[in-house]
Amino acid sequence: MHDIATWEAFFRESLGLPFVFALVTELDPGFSWSRAETQLADSFESPVRRETWLRGRSALKLVLVRLGEDTDSSDILFPAPRYSLTHCGQTAVAVGLEAGSHVDGIGVDLELGRIPPERSGRFFLTDEESEWMMRVDASERDATLLRLWTVKEALFKADPDNAGRLLTHYRLENPSSQVGRAFALENVLEYASLAIPNGMLSVAISTLR
């Protein structure tokens, strides 16, 4: 259903960086967990949250393997300069970049099988973006709103200065663009979005200043 190679080719070409992706839908009992990772997993009282954390970290471990790095993910905190995670239902996606990439933030967001209600736009669109959305053809409005939602989530994750910021603080240079730039005060970020079966996937980066 999901073609990781296609994802990598699209985002590498769109943003000019060698992204590595991994997707996990089930927990693999073959994974080796460090003591620190096990302690972190066991700190969740909710079994659902624990499983979500393990699924996300499993995807992250796959990325670390592909990058040739230590697979103990316990020291990786988000937002992270070279890694990002997203969860949607039973699906977890991780993305990473090799050491030395000229970014100080990366973000990914996946949405599958759901469209944000139109009224929710006020929580993540600027006034200018909301006005632009009103001019979008009704037949394209759901897909456009979904794309913008994932873009804003990815931008927030990619912003190393996101503490205290809201999604409405990220202003898109051109909301109609599948690949473009965004601004959050003095920070300039880049993003790209890809329509996938039954959903949308967006990646954003903050380049070194």
C-alpha atoms as a PDB file:
ATOM      1  CA  MET A   1       0.000   0.000   0.000  1.00  0.00           C
ATOM      2  CA  HIS A   2       2.749   2.463   0.944  1.00  0.00           C
ATOM      3  CA  ASP A   3       5.813   2.732  -1.289  1.00  0.00           C
ATOM      4  CA  ILE A   4       8.726   3.943   0.831  1.00  0.00           C
ATOM      5  CA  ALA A   5      10.995   4.180  -2.217  1.00  0.00           C
ATOM      6  CA  THR A   6       8.525   6.561  -3.880  1.00  0.00           C
ATOM      7  CA  TRP A   7       8.355   8.679  -0.729  1.00  0.00           C
ATOM      8  CA  GLU A   8      12.120   8.958  -0.556  1.00  0.00           C
ATOM      9  CA  ALA A   9      12.471   9.819  -4.227  1.00  0.00           C
ATOM     10  CA  PHE A  10       9.818  12.550  -4.002  1.00  0.00           C
ATOM     11  CA  PHE A  11      11.097  14.270  -0.862  1.00  0.00           C
ATOM     12  CA  ARG A  12      14.741  13.957  -1.870  1.00  0.00           C
ATOM     13  CA  GLU A  13      14.008  15.695  -5.159  1.00  0.00           C
ATOM     14  CA  SER A  14      11.654  18.267  -3.629  1.00  0.00           C
ATOM     15  CA  LEU A  15      13.861  19.309  -0.696  1.00  0.00           C
ATOM     16  CA  GLY A  16      17.293  18.273  -1.944  1.00  0.00           C
ATOM     17  CA  LEU A  17      18.235  16.087   1.017  1.00  0.00           C
ATOM     18  CA  PRO A  18      18.837  12.301   1.302  1.00  0.00           C
ATOM     19  CA  PHE A  19      15.829  11.423   3.471  1.00  0.00           C
ATOM     20  CA  VAL A  20      15.498   7.897   4.823  1.00  0.00           C
ATOM     21  CA  PHE A  21      12.011   6.645   5.748  1.00  0.00           C
ATOM     22  CA  ALA A  22      10.642   3.684   7.669  1.00  0.00           C
ATOM     23  CA  LEU A  23       7.071   2.567   8.287  1.00  0.00           C
ATOM     24  CA  VAL A  24       5.821   0.211  10.994  1.00  0.00           C
ATOM     25  CA  THR A  25       2.273  -1.096  11.436  1.00  0.00           C
ATOM     26  CA  GLU A  26       2.985  -3.984  13.814  1.00  0.00           C
ATOM     27  CA  LEU A  27       5.406  -4.437  16.683  1.00  0.00           C
ATOM     28  CA  ASP A  28       8.264  -6.694  15.640  1.00  0.00           C
ATOM     29  CA  PRO A  29       9.234  -9.044  18.510  1.00  0.00           C
ATOM     30  CA  GLY A  30      12.661  -9.413  16.908  1.00  0.00           C
ATOM     31  CA  PHE A  31      13.708  -5.897  17.880  1.00  0.00           C
ATOM     32  CA  SER A  32      16.354  -5.586  20.564  1.00  0.00           C
ATOM     33  CA  TRP A  33      15.537  -2.935  23.150  1.00  0.00           C
ATOM     34  CA  SER A  34      18.100  -1.319  25.400  1.00  0.00           C
ATOM     35  CA  ARG A  35      17.503  -1.121  29.136  1.00  0.00           C
ATOM     36  CA  ALA A  36      16.879   2.635  28.829  1.00  0.00           C
ATOM     37  CA  GLU A  37      14.330   2.111  26.041  1.00  0.00           C
ATOM     38  CA  THR A  38      12.541  -0.561  28.059  1.00  0.00           C
ATOM     39  CA  GLN A  39      12.376   1.757  31.070  1.00  0.00           C
ATOM     40  CA  LEU A  40      10.919   4.521  28.920  1.00  0.00           C
ATOM     41  CA  ALA A  41       8.308   2.172  27.458  1.00  0.00           C
ATOM     42  CA  ASP A  42       7.364   0.869  30.886  1.00  0.00           C
ATOM     43  CA  SER A  43       6.879   4.412  32.185  1.00  0.00           C
ATOM     44  CA  PHE A  44       3.580   4.642  30.288  1.00  0.00           C
ATOM     45  CA  GLU A  45       0.645   3.578  32.445  1.00  0.00           C
ATOM     46  CA  SER A  46      -1.628   3.239  29.422  1.00  0.00           C
ATOM     47  CA  PRO A  47      -1.019   0.069  27.361  1.00  0.00           C
ATOM     48  CA  VAL A  48      -2.184   1.932  24.261  1.00  0.00           C
ATOM     49  CA  ARG A  49       0.327   4.731  24.767  1.00  0.00           C
ATOM     50  CA  ARG A  50       3.071   2.210  25.485  1.00  0.00           C
ATOM     51  CA  GLU A  51       2.331   0.353  22.246  1.00  0.00           C
ATOM     52  CA  THR A  52       2.218   3.618  20.304  1.00  0.00           C
ATOM     53  CA  TRP A  53       5.611   4.596  21.711  1.00  0.00           C
ATOM     54  CA  LEU A  54       7.093   1.191  20.869  1.00  0.00           C
ATOM     55  CA  ARG A  55       5.704   1.299  17.336  1.00  0.00           C
ATOM     56  CA  GLY A  56       7.161   4.754  16.750  1.00  0.00           C
ATOM     57  CA  ARG A  57      10.521   3.793  18.212  1.00  0.00           C
ATOM     58  CA  SER A  58      10.508   0.653  16.065  1.00  0.00           C
ATOM     59  CA  ALA A  59      10.203   2.850  12.972  1.00  0.00           C
ATOM     60  CA  LEU A  60      12.960   5.090  14.308  1.00  0.00           C
ATOM     61  CA  LYS A  61      15.209   2.073  14.892  1.00  0.00           C
ATOM     62  CA  LEU A  62      14.736   1.017  11.269  1.00  0.00           C
ATOM     63  CA  VAL A  63      15.857   4.467  10.162  1.00  0.00           C
ATOM     64  CA  LEU A  64      18.892   4.300  12.460  1.00  0.00           C
ATOM     65  CA  VAL A  65      19.823   0.906  10.980  1.00  0.00           C
ATOM     66  CA  ARG A  66      19.651   2.289   7.458  1.00  0.00           C
ATOM     67  CA  LEU A  67      21.803   5.258   8.470  1.00  0.00           C
ATOM     68  CA  GLY A  68      24.367   2.933  10.032  1.00  0.00           C
ATOM     69  CA  GLU A  69      23.926   4.418  13.499  1.00  0.00           C
ATOM     70  CA  ASP A  70      23.467   3.091  17.031  1.00  0.00           C
ATOM     71  CA  THR A  71      19.911   1.754  17.286  1.00  0.00           C
ATOM     72  CA  ASP A  72      19.478   2.729  20.954  1.00  0.00           C
ATOM     73  CA  SER A  73      16.968   5.564  20.537  1.00  0.00           C
ATOM     74  CA  SER A  74      16.596   6.405  24.223  1.00  0.00           C
ATOM     75  CA  ASP A  75      18.659   9.607  23.969  1.00  0.00           C
ATOM     76  CA  ILE A  76      16.730  10.992  20.974  1.00  0.00           C
ATOM     77  CA  LEU A  77      14.347  13.729  22.083  1.00  0.00           C
ATOM     78  CA  PHE A  78      12.026  15.741  19.886  1.00  0.00           C
ATOM     79  CA  PRO A  79      12.242  18.150  18.206  1.00  0.00           C
ATOM     80  CA  ALA A  80      15.456  16.568  16.933  1.00  0.00           C
ATOM     81  CA  PRO A  81      17.830  17.983  14.331  1.00  0.00           C
ATOM     82  CA  ARG A  82      17.909  14.862  12.143  1.00  0.00           C
ATOM     83  CA  TYR A  83      14.923  12.684  13.033  1.00  0.00           C
ATOM     84  CA  SER A  84      11.155  12.941  13.247  1.00  0.00           C
ATOM     85  CA  LEU A  85       8.206  10.661  13.985  1.00  0.00           C
ATOM     86  CA  THR A  86       4.518  10.637  13.192  1.00  0.00           C
ATOM     87  CA  HIS A  87       1.701   8.311  14.231  1.00  0.00           C
ATOM     88  CA  CYS A  88      -1.710   7.724  12.680  1.00  0.00           C
ATOM     89  CA  GLY A  89      -3.785   4.910  14.112  1.00  0.00           C
ATOM     90  CA  GLN A  90      -1.720   1.727  13.936  1.00  0.00           C
ATOM     91  CA  THR A  91       0.833   3.265  11.576  1.00  0.00           C
ATOM     92  CA  ALA A  92       4.099   4.906  12.574  1.00  0.00           C
ATOM     93  CA  VAL A  93       6.465   6.640  10.172  1.00  0.00           C
ATOM     94  CA  ALA A  94       9.989   7.816  10.943  1.00  0.00           C
ATOM     95  CA  VAL A  95      12.286   9.928   8.805  1.00  0.00           C
ATOM     96  CA  GLY A  96      15.959  10.667   9.261  1.00  0.00           C
ATOM     97  CA  LEU A  97      18.972  12.334   7.707  1.00  0.00           C
ATOM     98  CA  GLU A  98      22.623  11.378   7.845  1.00  0.00           C
ATOM     99  CA  ALA A  99      25.037  13.279  10.061  1.00  0.00           C
ATOM    100  CA  GLY A 100      26.372  16.422   8.447  1.00  0.00           C
ATOM    101  CA  SER A 101      23.118  17.383   6.736  1.00  0.00           C
ATOM    102  CA  HIS A 102      22.715  21.152   6.773  1.00  0.00           C
ATOM    103  CA  VAL A 103      19.523  21.277   8.825  1.00  0.00           C
ATOM    104  CA  ASP A 104      18.750  21.991  12.457  1.00  0.00           C
ATOM    105  CA  GLY A 105      15.238  20.583  12.389  1.00  0.00           C
ATOM    106  CA  ILE A 106      13.136  18.025  10.537  1.00  0.00           C
ATOM    107  CA  GLY A 107       9.430  17.244  10.840  1.00  0.00           C
ATOM    108  CA  VAL A 108       7.071  14.681   9.351  1.00  0.00           C
ATOM    109  CA  ASP A 109       3.302  14.309   9.554  1.00  0.00           C
ATOM    110  CA  LEU A 110       1.058  11.537   8.248  1.00  0.00           C
ATOM    111  CA  GLU A 111      -2.717  11.504   8.048  1.00  0.00           C
ATOM    112  CA  LEU A 112      -4.673   8.488   6.834  1.00  0.00           C
ATOM    113  CA  GLY A 113      -8.400   8.006   6.382  1.00  0.00           C
ATOM    114  CA  ARG A 114      -9.574  11.290   7.823  1.00  0.00           C
ATOM    115  CA  ILE A 115     -10.151  14.891   6.768  1.00  0.00           C
ATOM    116  CA  PRO A 116     -10.060  17.769   9.266  1.00  0.00           C
ATOM    117  CA  PRO A 117     -13.446  19.510   9.452  1.00  0.00           C
ATOM    118  CA  GLU A 118     -13.474  22.813   7.604  1.00  0.00           C
ATOM    119  CA  ARG A 119     -14.196  24.737  10.792  1.00  0.00           C
ATOM    120  CA  SER A 120     -10.914  23.440  12.253  1.00  0.00           C
ATOM    121  CA  GLY A 121      -8.974  25.664   9.860  1.00  0.00           C
ATOM    122  CA  ARG A 122      -9.047  28.500  12.373  1.00  0.00           C
ATOM    123  CA  PHE A 123      -6.720  26.483  14.605  1.00  0.00           C
ATOM    124  CA  PHE A 124      -3.919  26.130  12.052  1.00  0.00           C
ATOM    125  CA  LEU A 125      -4.455  28.603   9.210  1.00  0.00           C
ATOM    126  CA  THR A 126      -3.474  32.265   9.259  1.00  0.00           C
ATOM    127  CA  ASP A 127      -6.129  34.821   8.323  1.00  0.00           C
ATOM    128  CA  GLU A 128      -4.596  35.141   4.843  1.00  0.00           C
ATOM    129  CA  GLU A 129      -4.558  31.369   4.368  1.00  0.00           C
ATOM    130  CA  SER A 130      -8.183  31.114   5.507  1.00  0.00           C
ATOM    131  CA  GLU A 131      -9.191  33.770   2.979  1.00  0.00           C
ATOM    132  CA  TRP A 132      -7.327  31.863   0.274  1.00  0.00           C
ATOM    133  CA  MET A 133      -9.086  28.611   1.267  1.00  0.00           C
ATOM    134  CA  MET A 134     -12.454  30.248   0.642  1.00  0.00           C
ATOM    135  CA  ARG A 135     -11.469  30.618  -3.024  1.00  0.00           C
ATOM    136  CA  VAL A 136     -10.468  26.970  -3.429  1.00  0.00           C
ATOM    137  CA  ASP A 137     -12.903  24.965  -5.535  1.00  0.00           C
ATOM    138  CA  ALA A 138     -15.296  22.969  -3.358  1.00  0.00           C
ATOM    139  CA  SER A 139     -14.240  19.712  -5.035  1.00  0.00           C
ATOM    140  CA  GLU A 140     -10.627  20.280  -3.932  1.00  0.00           C
ATOM    141  CA  ARG A 141     -11.248  21.738  -0.500  1.00  0.00           C
ATOM    142  CA  ASP A 142     -10.991  18.559   1.580  1.00  0.00           C
ATOM    143  CA  ALA A 143      -7.694  17.472   0.002  1.00  0.00           C
ATOM    144  CA  THR A 144      -6.303  20.999   0.287  1.00  0.00           C
ATOM    145  CA  LEU A 145      -7.252  21.319   3.940  1.00  0.00           C
ATOM    146  CA  LEU A 146      -5.659  17.939   4.666  1.00  0.00           C
ATOM    147  CA  ARG A 147      -2.462  18.987   2.899  1.00  0.00           C
ATOM    148  CA  LEU A 148      -2.259  22.249   4.830  1.00  0.00           C
ATOM    149  CA  TRP A 149      -2.933  20.488   8.132  1.00  0.00           C
ATOM    150  CA  THR A 150      -0.058  18.044   7.606  1.00  0.00           C
ATOM    151  CA  VAL A 151       2.214  20.846   6.419  1.00  0.00           C
ATOM    152  CA  LYS A 152       1.604  22.900   9.548  1.00  0.00           C
ATOM    153  CA  GLU A 153       2.173  19.883  11.807  1.00  0.00           C
ATOM    154  CA  ALA A 154       5.427  19.057   9.997  1.00  0.00           C
ATOM    155  CA  LEU A 155       6.587  22.682  10.211  1.00  0.00           C
ATOM    156  CA  PHE A 156       5.955  22.775  13.953  1.00  0.00           C
ATOM    157  CA  LYS A 157       7.962  19.575  14.461  1.00  0.00           C
ATOM    158  CA  ALA A 158      10.827  20.891  12.311  1.00  0.00           C
ATOM    159  CA  ASP A 159      11.109  24.212  14.123  1.00  0.00           C
ATOM    160  CA  PRO A 160      13.825  24.024  16.806  1.00  0.00           C
ATOM    161  CA  ASP A 161      12.260  27.127  18.381  1.00  0.00           C
ATOM    162  CA  ASN A 162       8.711  25.763  18.508  1.00  0.00           C
ATOM    163  CA  ALA A 163       8.274  26.098  22.282  1.00  0.00           C
ATOM    164  CA  GLY A 164       5.262  28.315  22.882  1.00  0.00           C
ATOM    165  CA  ARG A 165       4.350  28.564  19.213  1.00  0.00           C
ATOM    166  CA  LEU A 166       1.006  27.709  17.650  1.00  0.00           C
ATOM    167  CA  LEU A 167       0.356  26.268  14.199  1.00  0.00           C
ATOM    168  CA  THR A 168      -1.040  29.646  13.170  1.00  0.00           C
ATOM    169  CA  HIS A 169       2.408  31.153  13.758  1.00  0.00           C
ATOM    170  CA  TYR A 170       3.650  29.376  10.625  1.00  0.00           C
ATOM    171  CA  ARG A 171       2.873  31.423   7.529  1.00  0.00           C
ATOM    172  CA  LEU A 172       3.073  29.743   4.144  1.00  0.00           C
ATOM    173  CA  GLU A 173       4.628  31.797   1.369  1.00  0.00           C
ATOM    174  CA  ASN A 174       2.156  30.298  -1.108  1.00  0.00           C
ATOM    175  CA  PRO A 175      -0.531  27.989   0.338  1.00  0.00           C
ATOM    176  CA  SER A 176      -1.279  26.572  -3.119  1.00  0.00           C
ATOM    177  CA  SER A 177       2.237  25.132  -3.458  1.00  0.00           C
ATOM    178  CA  GLN A 178       2.909  21.451  -2.870  1.00  0.00           C
ATOM    179  CA  VAL A 179       6.544  22.376  -2.271  1.00  0.00           C
ATOM    180  CA  GLY A 180       7.386  25.716  -0.712  1.00  0.00           C
ATOM    181  CA  ARG A 181       8.620  27.901   2.127  1.00  0.00           C
ATOM    182  CA  ALA A 182       7.116  29.001   5.416  1.00  0.00           C
ATOM    183  CA  PHE A 183       8.003  31.607   8.012  1.00  0.00           C
ATOM    184  CA  ALA A 184       7.796  31.685  11.800  1.00  0.00           C
ATOM    185  CA  LEU A 185       9.074  35.035  12.990  1.00  0.00           C
ATOM    186  CA  GLU A 186      12.768  35.029  11.992  1.00  0.00           C
ATOM    187  CA  ASN A 187      12.819  31.314  11.089  1.00  0.00           C
ATOM    188  CA  VAL A 188      12.540  30.218   7.453  1.00  0.00           C
ATOM    189  CA  LEU A 189      11.471  26.646   6.823  1.00  0.00           C
ATOM    190  CA  GLU A 190      10.848  24.521   3.733  1.00  0.00           C
ATOM    191  CA  TYR A 191       8.230  21.843   3.181  1.00  0.00           C
ATOM    192  CA  ALA A 192       6.863  19.362   0.680  1.00  0.00           C
ATOM    193  CA  SER A 193       3.643  17.323   0.601  1.00  0.00           C
ATOM    194  CA  LEU A 194       2.796  14.073  -1.131  1.00  0.00           C
ATOM    195  CA  ALA A 195      -0.693  12.679  -1.646  1.00  0.00           C
ATOM    196  CA  ILE A 196      -0.617   8.967  -0.806  1.00  0.00           C
ATOM    197  CA  PRO A 197      -3.327   6.281  -0.876  1.00  0.00           C
ATOM    198  CA  ASN A 198      -6.080   7.361   1.512  1.00  0.00           C
ATOM    199  CA  GLY A 199      -4.063  10.221   2.955  1.00  0.00           C
ATOM    200  CA  MET A 200      -1.280  12.802   2.928  1.00  0.00           C
ATOM    201  CA  LEU A 201       2.360  12.878   3.982  1.00  0.00           C
ATOM    202  CA  SER A 202       4.328  16.091   4.582  1.00  0.00           C
ATOM    203  CA  VAL A 203       7.946  16.744   5.505  1.00  0.00           C
ATOM    204  CA  ALA A 204       9.473  20.034   6.626  1.00  0.00           C
ATOM    205  CA  ILE A 205      13.016  21.176   7.375  1.00  0.00           C
ATOM    206  CA  SER A 206      14.653  24.076   9.138  1.00  0.00           C
ATOM    207  CA  THR A 207      18.005  24.867   7.564  1.00  0.00           C
ATOM    208  CA  LEU A 208      21.039  25.912   9.554  1.00  0.00           C
ATOM    209  CA  ARG A 209      21.222  29.652  10.111  1.00  0.00           C
END
